[in-house]
């Protein structure tokens, strides 16, 4: 099963090189596409990363446009899966093996996410450290989607398209919309206990681009509300049954 991993990046992240080493060594990762939004990754300086290709955006496309660019590459290159992956995570052992197993055994799969070390994902929290964590052969459908690590079959992208650019800025809200579109074609979003990622709790890129994490969160949430309101109308919270999302 061929997998294109898309990694948008915009600034220096201490754990980035560990992640890239993990991706390079994972036999289930066919290729890694780094979308460089901040002139912070030069592939010429990383000749050992044989699986890697780079797109130098020349500006900050933000997460959503970077992911859509990667999705378009996956379509033109005939990959079976695309994985949208943050640059500030580290992966569990056999992470992609677990994600792909979940995608294979669940016939109605529209997307697969791993467990996380944060509580931002509904029912996906796992507190174990990298040393203590152990996989469990279990998957369950969920009502949320998170682009921190999101495996999507390319056939799903062909069916419902890319992330909607109505969600501008970093693209908050686009994941909610994508989950709704997946369920609209009678597929489900799954979380698997077979894999896990450890995600930094504070964003390096947020501080670089917005001055602080707090400013970033406020702006991104406001843009998400605006996009959801524009696409689904003024009663989007009630109509979509997501009343707790992006509080004012």
C-alpha atoms as a PDB file:
ATOM      1  CA  UNK A   1       0.000   0.000   0.000  1.00  0.00           C
ATOM      2  CA  UNK A   2       1.709   3.195  -1.182  1.00  0.00           C
ATOM      3  CA  UNK A   3       1.622   6.179   1.177  1.00  0.00           C
ATOM      4  CA  UNK A   4       2.575   9.791   0.512  1.00  0.00           C
ATOM      5  CA  UNK A   5       3.235  11.683   3.749  1.00  0.00           C
ATOM      6  CA  UNK A   6       2.710  15.450   3.442  1.00  0.00           C
ATOM      7  CA  UNK A   7       4.537  17.599   6.010  1.00  0.00           C
ATOM      8  CA  UNK A   8       3.900  21.361   5.941  1.00  0.00           C
ATOM      9  CA  UNK A   9       6.694  23.223   7.729  1.00  0.00           C
ATOM     10  CA  UNK A  10       7.285  26.890   8.435  1.00  0.00           C
ATOM     11  CA  UNK A  11       9.976  27.216  11.093  1.00  0.00           C
ATOM     12  CA  UNK A  12      12.552  25.497  13.290  1.00  0.00           C
ATOM     13  CA  UNK A  13      11.161  22.628  15.367  1.00  0.00           C
ATOM     14  CA  UNK A  14      13.485  20.770  17.771  1.00  0.00           C
ATOM     15  CA  UNK A  15      11.884  17.368  17.114  1.00  0.00           C
ATOM     16  CA  UNK A  16      11.687  17.728  13.332  1.00  0.00           C
ATOM     17  CA  UNK A  17      14.848  15.783  12.515  1.00  0.00           C
ATOM     18  CA  UNK A  18      13.786  12.899  14.749  1.00  0.00           C
ATOM     19  CA  UNK A  19      10.488  12.756  12.898  1.00  0.00           C
ATOM     20  CA  UNK A  20      12.211  12.825   9.510  1.00  0.00           C
ATOM     21  CA  UNK A  21      14.498   9.988  10.588  1.00  0.00           C
ATOM     22  CA  UNK A  22      11.453   7.967  11.648  1.00  0.00           C
ATOM     23  CA  UNK A  23       9.726   8.580   8.313  1.00  0.00           C
ATOM     24  CA  UNK A  24      12.855   7.717   6.335  1.00  0.00           C
ATOM     25  CA  UNK A  25      13.187   4.412   8.201  1.00  0.00           C
ATOM     26  CA  UNK A  26       9.526   3.369   8.025  1.00  0.00           C
ATOM     27  CA  UNK A  27       9.039   0.721   5.304  1.00  0.00           C
ATOM     28  CA  UNK A  28       5.353   1.611   4.992  1.00  0.00           C
ATOM     29  CA  UNK A  29       6.109   5.209   3.960  1.00  0.00           C
ATOM     30  CA  UNK A  30       6.629   5.392   0.209  1.00  0.00           C
ATOM     31  CA  UNK A  31       7.516   9.078  -0.051  1.00  0.00           C
ATOM     32  CA  UNK A  32       7.582  12.220   2.082  1.00  0.00           C
ATOM     33  CA  UNK A  33       6.695  15.587   0.592  1.00  0.00           C
ATOM     34  CA  UNK A  34       7.874  18.547   2.677  1.00  0.00           C
ATOM     35  CA  UNK A  35       6.009  21.749   1.803  1.00  0.00           C
ATOM     36  CA  UNK A  36       8.460  24.412   2.966  1.00  0.00           C
ATOM     37  CA  UNK A  37       6.545  27.574   3.844  1.00  0.00           C
ATOM     38  CA  UNK A  38       9.325  29.338   5.712  1.00  0.00           C
ATOM     39  CA  UNK A  39      12.608  28.687   3.912  1.00  0.00           C
ATOM     40  CA  UNK A  40      13.511  26.364   6.782  1.00  0.00           C
ATOM     41  CA  UNK A  41      14.165  23.063   5.025  1.00  0.00           C
ATOM     42  CA  UNK A  42      16.731  22.599   2.262  1.00  0.00           C
ATOM     43  CA  UNK A  43      16.723  19.056   0.916  1.00  0.00           C
ATOM     44  CA  UNK A  44      20.246  19.511  -0.431  1.00  0.00           C
ATOM     45  CA  UNK A  45      21.432  19.582   3.166  1.00  0.00           C
ATOM     46  CA  UNK A  46      19.699  16.273   3.936  1.00  0.00           C
ATOM     47  CA  UNK A  47      21.025  13.887   1.317  1.00  0.00           C
ATOM     48  CA  UNK A  48      20.409  10.918   3.630  1.00  0.00           C
ATOM     49  CA  UNK A  49      16.641  11.436   3.336  1.00  0.00           C
ATOM     50  CA  UNK A  50      16.210   9.394   0.174  1.00  0.00           C
ATOM     51  CA  UNK A  51      12.410   9.200   0.392  1.00  0.00           C
ATOM     52  CA  UNK A  52      12.000  12.961   0.653  1.00  0.00           C
ATOM     53  CA  UNK A  53      10.979  15.556  -1.907  1.00  0.00           C
ATOM     54  CA  UNK A  54      10.507  19.257  -1.246  1.00  0.00           C
ATOM     55  CA  UNK A  55       8.284  22.036  -2.518  1.00  0.00           C
ATOM     56  CA  UNK A  56       9.638  25.491  -1.708  1.00  0.00           C
ATOM     57  CA  UNK A  57       6.446  27.523  -1.494  1.00  0.00           C
ATOM     58  CA  UNK A  58       8.213  30.887  -1.511  1.00  0.00           C
ATOM     59  CA  UNK A  59       5.616  32.181   0.951  1.00  0.00           C
ATOM     60  CA  UNK A  60       3.513  30.850   3.800  1.00  0.00           C
ATOM     61  CA  UNK A  61       0.683  28.879   2.205  1.00  0.00           C
ATOM     62  CA  UNK A  62      -0.542  27.872   5.677  1.00  0.00           C
ATOM     63  CA  UNK A  63      -1.531  24.348   6.644  1.00  0.00           C
ATOM     64  CA  UNK A  64      -4.674  23.984   4.522  1.00  0.00           C
ATOM     65  CA  UNK A  65      -3.211  25.005   1.163  1.00  0.00           C
ATOM     66  CA  UNK A  66      -0.064  22.987   1.869  1.00  0.00           C
ATOM     67  CA  UNK A  67      -2.144  19.878   2.515  1.00  0.00           C
ATOM     68  CA  UNK A  68      -4.214  20.431  -0.620  1.00  0.00           C
ATOM     69  CA  UNK A  69      -1.001  20.732  -2.603  1.00  0.00           C
ATOM     70  CA  UNK A  70       0.117  17.391  -1.195  1.00  0.00           C
ATOM     71  CA  UNK A  71      -3.258  15.818  -1.971  1.00  0.00           C
ATOM     72  CA  UNK A  72      -2.962  16.924  -5.591  1.00  0.00           C
ATOM     73  CA  UNK A  73       0.466  15.283  -5.820  1.00  0.00           C
ATOM     74  CA  UNK A  74      -0.990  12.071  -4.384  1.00  0.00           C
ATOM     75  CA  UNK A  75      -3.655  12.069  -7.088  1.00  0.00           C
ATOM     76  CA  UNK A  76      -1.264  12.689  -9.966  1.00  0.00           C
ATOM     77  CA  UNK A  77       1.252  10.117  -8.694  1.00  0.00           C
ATOM     78  CA  UNK A  78      -1.259   7.293  -8.101  1.00  0.00           C
ATOM     79  CA  UNK A  79      -0.620   6.800  -4.386  1.00  0.00           C
ATOM     80  CA  UNK A  80      -3.171   4.752  -2.444  1.00  0.00           C
ATOM     81  CA  UNK A  81      -3.044   6.888   0.699  1.00  0.00           C
ATOM     82  CA  UNK A  82      -2.004  10.358   1.746  1.00  0.00           C
ATOM     83  CA  UNK A  83      -1.122  11.213   5.335  1.00  0.00           C
ATOM     84  CA  UNK A  84      -1.275  14.828   6.515  1.00  0.00           C
ATOM     85  CA  UNK A  85       1.332  15.156   9.249  1.00  0.00           C
ATOM     86  CA  UNK A  86       2.532  17.998  11.481  1.00  0.00           C
ATOM     87  CA  UNK A  87       6.266  18.613  11.701  1.00  0.00           C
ATOM     88  CA  UNK A  88       6.187  18.867  15.524  1.00  0.00           C
ATOM     89  CA  UNK A  89       5.278  15.267  16.345  1.00  0.00           C
ATOM     90  CA  UNK A  90       7.119  12.058  17.056  1.00  0.00           C
ATOM     91  CA  UNK A  91       5.733   8.678  16.060  1.00  0.00           C
ATOM     92  CA  UNK A  92       5.156   5.459  17.929  1.00  0.00           C
ATOM     93  CA  UNK A  93       6.863   2.278  16.877  1.00  0.00           C
ATOM     94  CA  UNK A  94       5.274   0.877  13.707  1.00  0.00           C
ATOM     95  CA  UNK A  95       3.001   3.902  13.510  1.00  0.00           C
ATOM     96  CA  UNK A  96       2.172   3.594   9.827  1.00  0.00           C
ATOM     97  CA  UNK A  97       1.773  -0.160  10.054  1.00  0.00           C
ATOM     98  CA  UNK A  98      -0.964   0.443  12.610  1.00  0.00           C
ATOM     99  CA  UNK A  99      -2.661   3.188  10.593  1.00  0.00           C
ATOM    100  CA  UNK A 100      -2.670   1.081   7.439  1.00  0.00           C
ATOM    101  CA  UNK A 101      -3.942  -1.990   9.253  1.00  0.00           C
ATOM    102  CA  UNK A 102      -6.857   0.049  10.578  1.00  0.00           C
ATOM    103  CA  UNK A 103      -7.549   1.358   7.076  1.00  0.00           C
ATOM    104  CA  UNK A 104      -7.520  -2.167   5.691  1.00  0.00           C
ATOM    105  CA  UNK A 105      -9.657  -4.000   8.253  1.00  0.00           C
ATOM    106  CA  UNK A 106     -12.396  -1.340   8.388  1.00  0.00           C
ATOM    107  CA  UNK A 107     -14.138  -1.542   5.035  1.00  0.00           C
ATOM    108  CA  UNK A 108     -16.096   1.696   5.540  1.00  0.00           C
ATOM    109  CA  UNK A 109     -13.024   3.774   6.410  1.00  0.00           C
ATOM    110  CA  UNK A 110     -12.883   7.398   5.304  1.00  0.00           C
ATOM    111  CA  UNK A 111      -9.909   8.440   7.436  1.00  0.00           C
ATOM    112  CA  UNK A 112      -7.744   7.097  10.261  1.00  0.00           C
ATOM    113  CA  UNK A 113      -6.094   8.944  13.150  1.00  0.00           C
ATOM    114  CA  UNK A 114      -3.766   7.603  15.849  1.00  0.00           C
ATOM    115  CA  UNK A 115      -3.969   8.183  19.566  1.00  0.00           C
ATOM    116  CA  UNK A 116      -2.493  11.453  20.860  1.00  0.00           C
ATOM    117  CA  UNK A 117      -0.785  12.670  24.003  1.00  0.00           C
ATOM    118  CA  UNK A 118      -3.162  15.649  24.210  1.00  0.00           C
ATOM    119  CA  UNK A 119      -6.853  15.901  25.040  1.00  0.00           C
ATOM    120  CA  UNK A 120      -7.792  17.892  21.956  1.00  0.00           C
ATOM    121  CA  UNK A 121      -9.093  14.833  20.117  1.00  0.00           C
ATOM    122  CA  UNK A 122     -12.368  13.270  21.175  1.00  0.00           C
ATOM    123  CA  UNK A 123     -11.704   9.938  22.947  1.00  0.00           C
ATOM    124  CA  UNK A 124      -8.188   9.748  21.492  1.00  0.00           C
ATOM    125  CA  UNK A 125      -6.150  10.705  24.540  1.00  0.00           C
ATOM    126  CA  UNK A 126      -3.408   8.389  25.838  1.00  0.00           C
ATOM    127  CA  UNK A 127      -1.047   9.531  28.589  1.00  0.00           C
ATOM    128  CA  UNK A 128       1.657   6.885  28.127  1.00  0.00           C
ATOM    129  CA  UNK A 129       5.204   8.018  27.373  1.00  0.00           C
ATOM    130  CA  UNK A 130       7.081   6.971  24.260  1.00  0.00           C
ATOM    131  CA  UNK A 131       8.935   4.359  26.295  1.00  0.00           C
ATOM    132  CA  UNK A 132       5.854   2.902  28.024  1.00  0.00           C
ATOM    133  CA  UNK A 133       3.246   2.980  25.283  1.00  0.00           C
ATOM    134  CA  UNK A 134       2.024  -0.308  23.799  1.00  0.00           C
ATOM    135  CA  UNK A 135      -0.285  -0.760  20.806  1.00  0.00           C
ATOM    136  CA  UNK A 136      -3.735  -2.301  21.112  1.00  0.00           C
ATOM    137  CA  UNK A 137      -5.407  -3.969  18.139  1.00  0.00           C
ATOM    138  CA  UNK A 138      -8.554  -1.885  18.303  1.00  0.00           C
ATOM    139  CA  UNK A 139     -10.183   0.836  16.209  1.00  0.00           C
ATOM    140  CA  UNK A 140     -13.297   2.891  16.847  1.00  0.00           C
ATOM    141  CA  UNK A 141     -15.277   5.478  14.837  1.00  0.00           C
ATOM    142  CA  UNK A 142     -15.160   9.066  16.012  1.00  0.00           C
ATOM    143  CA  UNK A 143     -17.024  12.299  15.365  1.00  0.00           C
ATOM    144  CA  UNK A 144     -13.921  14.481  15.107  1.00  0.00           C
ATOM    145  CA  UNK A 145     -11.020  14.771  12.695  1.00  0.00           C
ATOM    146  CA  UNK A 146      -7.605  16.278  13.398  1.00  0.00           C
ATOM    147  CA  UNK A 147      -5.020  17.102  10.751  1.00  0.00           C
ATOM    148  CA  UNK A 148      -2.073  16.602  13.097  1.00  0.00           C
ATOM    149  CA  UNK A 149      -1.831  13.063  11.741  1.00  0.00           C
ATOM    150  CA  UNK A 150      -4.575  12.063   9.335  1.00  0.00           C
ATOM    151  CA  UNK A 151      -4.424   9.108   6.946  1.00  0.00           C
ATOM    152  CA  UNK A 152      -6.867   9.404   4.036  1.00  0.00           C
ATOM    153  CA  UNK A 153      -7.421   6.879   1.232  1.00  0.00           C
ATOM    154  CA  UNK A 154      -6.900   8.603  -2.095  1.00  0.00           C
ATOM    155  CA  UNK A 155     -10.212   7.148  -3.289  1.00  0.00           C
ATOM    156  CA  UNK A 156     -11.888   9.311  -0.640  1.00  0.00           C
ATOM    157  CA  UNK A 157     -10.150  12.423  -1.960  1.00  0.00           C
ATOM    158  CA  UNK A 158     -11.375  11.526  -5.446  1.00  0.00           C
ATOM    159  CA  UNK A 159     -14.911  11.226  -4.078  1.00  0.00           C
ATOM    160  CA  UNK A 160     -15.164  14.387  -1.933  1.00  0.00           C
ATOM    161  CA  UNK A 161     -12.284  16.597  -3.063  1.00  0.00           C
ATOM    162  CA  UNK A 162      -9.712  18.622  -1.147  1.00  0.00           C
ATOM    163  CA  UNK A 163      -9.981  20.636   2.045  1.00  0.00           C
ATOM    164  CA  UNK A 164     -12.311  23.590   1.469  1.00  0.00           C
ATOM    165  CA  UNK A 165     -10.340  26.866   1.114  1.00  0.00           C
ATOM    166  CA  UNK A 166     -13.264  28.781   2.614  1.00  0.00           C
ATOM    167  CA  UNK A 167     -11.426  27.997   5.862  1.00  0.00           C
ATOM    168  CA  UNK A 168      -8.562  30.424   5.362  1.00  0.00           C
ATOM    169  CA  UNK A 169      -5.599  31.115   7.596  1.00  0.00           C
ATOM    170  CA  UNK A 170      -4.260  27.928   9.168  1.00  0.00           C
ATOM    171  CA  UNK A 171      -7.451  26.115   8.183  1.00  0.00           C
ATOM    172  CA  UNK A 172      -9.197  25.480  11.480  1.00  0.00           C
ATOM    173  CA  UNK A 173     -12.724  24.268  10.764  1.00  0.00           C
ATOM    174  CA  UNK A 174     -11.676  22.499   7.587  1.00  0.00           C
ATOM    175  CA  UNK A 175     -11.249  19.260   9.521  1.00  0.00           C
ATOM    176  CA  UNK A 176     -14.817  19.452  10.867  1.00  0.00           C
ATOM    177  CA  UNK A 177     -16.060  20.072   7.351  1.00  0.00           C
ATOM    178  CA  UNK A 178     -14.014  17.186   5.951  1.00  0.00           C
ATOM    179  CA  UNK A 179     -15.399  14.799   8.555  1.00  0.00           C
ATOM    180  CA  UNK A 180     -18.950  15.805   7.592  1.00  0.00           C
ATOM    181  CA  UNK A 181     -18.193  15.219   3.922  1.00  0.00           C
ATOM    182  CA  UNK A 182     -16.722  11.787   4.705  1.00  0.00           C
ATOM    183  CA  UNK A 183     -19.858  10.757   6.582  1.00  0.00           C
ATOM    184  CA  UNK A 184     -22.005  12.149   3.761  1.00  0.00           C
ATOM    185  CA  UNK A 185     -20.684   9.393   1.471  1.00  0.00           C
ATOM    186  CA  UNK A 186     -21.475   6.695   4.072  1.00  0.00           C
ATOM    187  CA  UNK A 187     -17.895   6.284   5.305  1.00  0.00           C
ATOM    188  CA  UNK A 188     -16.514   6.755   8.821  1.00  0.00           C
ATOM    189  CA  UNK A 189     -13.570   8.424  10.524  1.00  0.00           C
ATOM    190  CA  UNK A 190     -11.634   6.063  12.779  1.00  0.00           C
ATOM    191  CA  UNK A 191      -9.177   6.356  15.624  1.00  0.00           C
ATOM    192  CA  UNK A 192      -6.826   3.420  16.015  1.00  0.00           C
ATOM    193  CA  UNK A 193      -5.160   2.272  19.216  1.00  0.00           C
ATOM    194  CA  UNK A 194      -2.535   0.551  17.075  1.00  0.00           C
ATOM    195  CA  UNK A 195      -0.596   3.821  16.648  1.00  0.00           C
ATOM    196  CA  UNK A 196       0.164   6.998  18.544  1.00  0.00           C
ATOM    197  CA  UNK A 197       1.821  10.369  17.985  1.00  0.00           C
ATOM    198  CA  UNK A 198       3.293  12.703  20.596  1.00  0.00           C
ATOM    199  CA  UNK A 199       2.417  16.271  19.666  1.00  0.00           C
ATOM    200  CA  UNK A 200       4.083  19.379  21.074  1.00  0.00           C
ATOM    201  CA  UNK A 201       1.668  21.297  23.267  1.00  0.00           C
ATOM    202  CA  UNK A 202       2.917  24.709  22.130  1.00  0.00           C
ATOM    203  CA  UNK A 203       3.426  25.663  18.518  1.00  0.00           C
ATOM    204  CA  UNK A 204       6.762  27.098  17.407  1.00  0.00           C
ATOM    205  CA  UNK A 205       5.219  28.333  14.172  1.00  0.00           C
ATOM    206  CA  UNK A 206       2.378  30.054  16.042  1.00  0.00           C
ATOM    207  CA  UNK A 207       4.803  32.186  18.015  1.00  0.00           C
ATOM    208  CA  UNK A 208       6.798  32.982  14.892  1.00  0.00           C
ATOM    209  CA  UNK A 209       3.820  33.978  12.752  1.00  0.00           C
ATOM    210  CA  UNK A 210       1.375  35.477  15.253  1.00  0.00           C
ATOM    211  CA  UNK A 211       3.535  36.644  18.127  1.00  0.00           C
ATOM    212  CA  UNK A 212       2.128  34.224  20.666  1.00  0.00           C
ATOM    213  CA  UNK A 213       0.183  30.996  20.995  1.00  0.00           C
ATOM    214  CA  UNK A 214      -2.759  32.889  22.525  1.00  0.00           C
ATOM    215  CA  UNK A 215      -3.036  35.286  19.584  1.00  0.00           C
ATOM    216  CA  UNK A 216      -2.797  32.380  17.149  1.00  0.00           C
ATOM    217  CA  UNK A 217      -5.576  30.433  18.861  1.00  0.00           C
ATOM    218  CA  UNK A 218      -7.913  33.443  18.952  1.00  0.00           C
ATOM    219  CA  UNK A 219      -7.392  34.304  15.288  1.00  0.00           C
ATOM    220  CA  UNK A 220      -7.587  30.713  14.074  1.00  0.00           C
ATOM    221  CA  UNK A 221     -10.786  30.053  16.037  1.00  0.00           C
ATOM    222  CA  UNK A 222     -12.374  33.251  14.705  1.00  0.00           C
ATOM    223  CA  UNK A 223     -11.511  32.279  11.130  1.00  0.00           C
ATOM    224  CA  UNK A 224     -12.930  28.793  11.733  1.00  0.00           C
ATOM    225  CA  UNK A 225     -16.225  30.223  12.996  1.00  0.00           C
ATOM    226  CA  UNK A 226     -16.377  32.531   9.995  1.00  0.00           C
ATOM    227  CA  UNK A 227     -15.785  29.668   7.567  1.00  0.00           C
ATOM    228  CA  UNK A 228     -18.367  27.406   9.187  1.00  0.00           C
ATOM    229  CA  UNK A 229     -20.885  30.243   9.260  1.00  0.00           C
ATOM    230  CA  UNK A 230     -20.239  31.045   5.608  1.00  0.00           C
ATOM    231  CA  UNK A 231     -20.583  27.440   4.479  1.00  0.00           C
ATOM    232  CA  UNK A 232     -23.363  26.155   6.750  1.00  0.00           C
ATOM    233  CA  UNK A 233     -25.252  29.287   7.726  1.00  0.00           C
ATOM    234  CA  UNK A 234     -25.733  31.266  10.956  1.00  0.00           C
ATOM    235  CA  UNK A 235     -27.087  28.243  12.867  1.00  0.00           C
ATOM    236  CA  UNK A 236     -24.097  26.047  12.047  1.00  0.00           C
ATOM    237  CA  UNK A 237     -23.525  25.025  15.672  1.00  0.00           C
ATOM    238  CA  UNK A 238     -27.020  23.595  16.107  1.00  0.00           C
ATOM    239  CA  UNK A 239     -27.320  22.213  12.578  1.00  0.00           C
ATOM    240  CA  UNK A 240     -23.976  20.405  12.776  1.00  0.00           C
ATOM    241  CA  UNK A 241     -24.398  19.429  16.445  1.00  0.00           C
ATOM    242  CA  UNK A 242     -20.973  20.828  17.390  1.00  0.00           C
ATOM    243  CA  UNK A 243     -21.999  23.441  19.938  1.00  0.00           C
ATOM    244  CA  UNK A 244     -18.711  23.288  21.841  1.00  0.00           C
ATOM    245  CA  UNK A 245     -16.473  23.897  18.840  1.00  0.00           C
ATOM    246  CA  UNK A 246     -14.559  27.189  18.633  1.00  0.00           C
ATOM    247  CA  UNK A 247     -16.187  29.075  21.477  1.00  0.00           C
ATOM    248  CA  UNK A 248     -16.556  32.829  21.155  1.00  0.00           C
END
